[in-house]
């Protein structure tokens, strides 16, 4: 196999590894933010928010908490099979033989086939999480504006809302980008599985093996 194939495989492993690690981190943040928003909404600590915004924020926060749990579980499941494979190829100083590279690709293919449902779940979770955190970011922004407009001046309390709004919007962006990457990754390996199945079928036919 060519160096291009090896580099592509390494890059795919590294990109997937980074995305999965980010999703573990943001899954934990989703749980933390979910608890925080639920507590502040239920206890009425979110000063300046109308009752409607508090109810909406509490409901979205509850969904974010549940998504955070699913986020972490799915990410860890994918991570378990990626970490060892990535380290094997990333830290390897000796030249990689065709047999080793082929073995790595086959192992990756088997890992993807085994976790196809989990990856599809990650696509859904990241998409829902992205929109939920986008909603929380918008709610934070509305709270900032409502307090600022009602008080007529910018105070320390006003400015403290900005980091929370930016962080939730940042999580939303990473979530939606992760969903896009997982979708792209899934399409690529689905195609490779189809090509492998087609090659196996052709080989069986050429050997006269009954495929029924």
Protein backbone atom coordinates (compact mmCIF):
# COMPACT_ATOMS: atom_id res chain seq x y z
CA UNK A 1 0.00 0.00 0.00
CA UNK A 2 1.13 3.59 -0.55
CA UNK A 3 2.23 6.12 2.08
CA UNK A 4 -0.87 8.09 1.14
CA UNK A 5 -3.10 5.27 2.39
CA UNK A 6 -1.14 5.10 5.65
CA UNK A 7 -1.30 8.86 6.18
CA UNK A 8 -5.02 8.92 5.42
CA UNK A 9 -5.64 6.11 7.90
CA UNK A 10 -3.56 7.86 10.57
CA UNK A 11 -5.35 11.15 9.99
CA UNK A 12 -8.76 9.47 10.22
CA UNK A 13 -7.79 7.78 13.49
CA UNK A 14 -6.43 11.04 14.95
CA UNK A 15 -9.46 13.08 13.88
CA UNK A 16 -11.88 10.49 15.30
CA UNK A 17 -9.85 10.27 18.53
CA UNK A 18 -9.92 14.06 19.02
CA UNK A 19 -13.64 14.31 18.25
CA UNK A 20 -14.49 11.49 20.67
CA UNK A 21 -12.39 13.02 23.46
CA UNK A 22 -14.07 16.39 22.89
CA UNK A 23 -17.46 14.71 23.08
CA UNK A 24 -16.58 13.05 26.40
CA UNK A 25 -15.60 16.48 27.78
CA UNK A 26 -18.68 18.20 26.40
CA UNK A 27 -20.89 15.35 27.58
CA UNK A 28 -19.69 16.06 31.12
CA UNK A 29 -20.29 19.79 30.57
CA UNK A 30 -23.79 19.02 29.28
CA UNK A 31 -24.58 17.18 32.52
CA UNK A 32 -23.11 19.99 34.65
CA UNK A 33 -24.98 22.71 32.77
CA UNK A 34 -28.16 20.64 32.85
CA UNK A 35 -28.03 20.38 36.64
CA UNK A 36 -27.11 24.06 37.02
CA UNK A 37 -29.95 25.32 34.83
CA UNK A 38 -32.49 22.96 36.40
CA UNK A 39 -31.58 24.13 39.92
CA UNK A 40 -31.55 27.83 39.01
CA UNK A 41 -34.83 27.58 37.10
CA UNK A 42 -36.67 25.59 39.76
CA UNK A 43 -35.35 27.64 42.70
CA UNK A 44 -36.00 30.94 40.93
CA UNK A 45 -32.34 32.02 41.09
CA UNK A 46 -32.44 33.10 37.45
CA UNK A 47 -33.34 36.67 38.24
CA UNK A 48 -34.66 38.73 35.40
CA UNK A 49 -36.16 35.77 33.61
CA UNK A 50 -39.87 35.55 33.07
CA UNK A 51 -41.72 32.47 34.27
CA UNK A 52 -42.00 31.24 30.69
CA UNK A 53 -38.23 31.50 30.13
CA UNK A 54 -37.56 29.72 33.42
CA UNK A 55 -39.86 26.84 32.44
CA UNK A 56 -38.31 26.60 28.98
CA UNK A 57 -34.77 26.77 30.40
CA UNK A 58 -35.56 24.09 33.00
CA UNK A 59 -37.09 21.78 30.38
CA UNK A 60 -34.18 22.20 27.96
CA UNK A 61 -31.71 21.73 30.82
CA UNK A 62 -33.36 18.43 31.76
CA UNK A 63 -33.00 17.24 28.17
CA UNK A 64 -29.34 18.38 28.16
CA UNK A 65 -28.68 16.38 31.34
CA UNK A 66 -30.12 13.22 29.78
CA UNK A 67 -28.24 13.83 26.54
CA UNK A 68 -25.03 14.32 28.55
CA UNK A 69 -25.34 10.84 30.02
CA UNK A 70 -25.97 9.28 26.60
CA UNK A 71 -23.18 11.44 25.19
CA UNK A 72 -20.57 10.10 27.63
CA UNK A 73 -21.66 6.46 27.40
CA UNK A 74 -21.61 6.46 23.58
CA UNK A 75 -18.31 8.35 23.41
CA UNK A 76 -16.56 5.99 25.84
CA UNK A 77 -17.82 2.98 23.89
CA UNK A 78 -16.27 4.32 20.68
CA UNK A 79 -13.14 5.53 22.48
CA UNK A 80 -12.31 2.08 23.89
CA UNK A 81 -11.56 0.64 20.45
CA UNK A 82 -9.94 3.75 18.97
CA UNK A 83 -7.31 4.60 21.59
CA UNK A 84 -5.23 1.44 21.28
CA UNK A 85 -5.39 1.40 17.48
CA UNK A 86 -4.41 5.06 17.22
CA UNK A 87 -1.46 4.71 19.59
CA UNK A 88 -0.22 1.69 17.66
CA UNK A 89 0.00 3.64 14.39
CA UNK A 90 0.69 7.14 15.72
CA UNK A 91 3.67 6.26 17.91
CA UNK A 92 5.15 3.65 15.61
CA UNK A 93 8.73 4.60 14.63
CA UNK A 94 9.48 1.63 12.39
CA UNK A 95 8.09 1.56 8.85
CA UNK A 96 4.57 0.16 8.69
CA UNK A 97 4.32 -2.92 6.52
CA UNK A 98 1.40 -3.56 4.18
CA UNK A 99 0.31 -6.46 6.38
CA UNK A 100 0.26 -4.28 9.51
CA UNK A 101 -1.66 -1.51 7.77
CA UNK A 102 -4.15 -3.99 6.31
CA UNK A 103 -4.61 -5.53 9.75
CA UNK A 104 -5.25 -2.08 11.24
CA UNK A 105 -7.82 -1.21 8.60
CA UNK A 106 -9.58 -4.54 9.14
CA UNK A 107 -9.65 -3.96 12.90
CA UNK A 108 -11.04 -0.47 12.37
CA UNK A 109 -13.65 -1.87 10.02
CA UNK A 110 -14.64 -4.49 12.59
CA UNK A 111 -14.83 -1.81 15.31
CA UNK A 112 -17.05 0.35 13.12
CA UNK A 113 -19.30 -2.58 12.19
CA UNK A 114 -19.67 -3.47 15.87
CA UNK A 115 -20.44 0.12 16.89
CA UNK A 116 -22.48 1.32 13.91
CA UNK A 117 -25.57 1.81 16.10
CA UNK A 118 -23.54 3.70 18.69
CA UNK A 119 -22.10 6.05 16.07
CA UNK A 120 -25.56 6.68 14.63
CA UNK A 121 -26.71 7.41 18.20
CA UNK A 122 -23.83 9.89 18.53
CA UNK A 123 -24.98 11.67 15.38
CA UNK A 124 -28.46 12.06 16.87
CA UNK A 125 -27.20 13.02 20.35
CA UNK A 126 -24.77 15.61 18.97
CA UNK A 127 -27.46 17.14 16.78
CA UNK A 128 -30.03 17.33 19.60
CA UNK A 129 -27.37 18.52 22.05
CA UNK A 130 -26.29 21.23 19.63
CA UNK A 131 -29.81 22.60 19.27
CA UNK A 132 -30.51 22.34 23.01
CA UNK A 133 -27.37 24.25 23.93
CA UNK A 134 -28.12 26.75 21.19
CA UNK A 135 -31.48 27.30 22.91
CA UNK A 136 -29.78 27.73 26.30
CA UNK A 137 -27.32 30.19 24.79
CA UNK A 138 -30.18 32.22 23.34
CA UNK A 139 -32.01 32.14 26.69
CA UNK A 140 -28.82 33.37 28.41
CA UNK A 141 -28.56 36.17 25.87
CA UNK A 142 -32.20 37.15 26.45
CA UNK A 143 -31.58 37.18 30.21
CA UNK A 144 -28.54 39.43 29.69
CA UNK A 145 -30.55 41.82 27.54
CA UNK A 146 -33.57 41.86 29.84
CA UNK A 147 -31.44 42.66 32.92
CA UNK A 148 -29.43 45.27 31.03
CA UNK A 149 -32.50 47.00 29.60
CA UNK A 150 -34.44 46.91 32.86
CA UNK A 151 -31.58 48.30 34.94
CA UNK A 152 -30.49 50.79 32.30
CA UNK A 153 -26.82 50.16 33.08
CA UNK A 154 -24.22 47.39 32.83
CA UNK A 155 -23.28 45.89 36.18
CA UNK A 156 -20.98 43.03 37.19
CA UNK A 157 -24.00 40.72 37.29
CA UNK A 158 -24.77 41.57 33.69
CA UNK A 159 -21.27 40.73 32.53
CA UNK A 160 -21.24 37.43 34.42
CA UNK A 161 -23.98 36.19 32.08
CA UNK A 162 -21.78 36.68 29.00
CA UNK A 163 -19.29 33.79 29.66
CA UNK A 164 -22.16 31.35 30.30
CA UNK A 165 -23.89 32.38 27.08
CA UNK A 166 -20.65 32.12 25.08
CA UNK A 167 -19.83 28.71 26.59
CA UNK A 168 -23.25 27.26 25.83
CA UNK A 169 -23.09 28.62 22.27
CA UNK A 170 -19.57 27.15 21.94
CA UNK A 171 -20.80 23.74 23.09
CA UNK A 172 -23.65 23.99 20.59
CA UNK A 173 -21.19 24.72 17.77
CA UNK A 174 -18.87 21.82 18.71
CA UNK A 175 -21.89 19.50 19.03
CA UNK A 176 -23.18 20.32 15.56
CA UNK A 177 -19.68 20.03 14.06
CA UNK A 178 -19.26 16.65 15.78
CA UNK A 179 -22.57 15.50 14.31
CA UNK A 180 -21.33 16.53 10.87
CA UNK A 181 -18.02 14.70 11.31
CA UNK A 182 -19.64 11.52 12.65
CA UNK A 183 -22.03 11.57 9.68
CA UNK A 184 -19.11 11.97 7.27
CA UNK A 185 -17.14 9.23 9.04
CA UNK A 186 -20.16 6.91 8.96
CA UNK A 187 -20.74 7.45 5.24
CA UNK A 188 -17.06 6.73 4.49
CA UNK A 189 -16.93 3.47 6.42
CA UNK A 190 -20.38 2.36 5.24
CA UNK A 191 -19.04 2.69 1.71
CA UNK A 192 -15.92 0.71 2.60
CA UNK A 193 -18.03 -2.04 4.17
CA UNK A 194 -20.15 -2.19 1.02
CA UNK A 195 -17.04 -2.42 -1.16
CA UNK A 196 -15.64 -5.17 1.06
CA UNK A 197 -18.90 -7.14 0.92
CA UNK A 198 -18.96 -6.73 -2.86
CA UNK A 199 -15.38 -7.99 -3.16
CA UNK A 200 -16.18 -10.99 -0.96
CA UNK A 201 -19.20 -11.77 -3.12
CA UNK A 202 -17.14 -11.59 -6.31
CA UNK A 203 -14.45 -13.82 -4.78
CA UNK A 204 -17.02 -16.43 -3.77
CA UNK A 205 -18.49 -16.41 -7.27
CA UNK A 206 -15.07 -16.78 -8.88
CA UNK A 207 -14.33 -19.75 -6.60
CA UNK A 208 -17.72 -21.28 -7.32
CA UNK A 209 -18.88 -21.05 -3.73
CA UNK A 210 -22.62 -21.08 -3.19
CA UNK A 211 -23.57 -17.74 -1.61
CA UNK A 212 -27.19 -18.61 -0.86
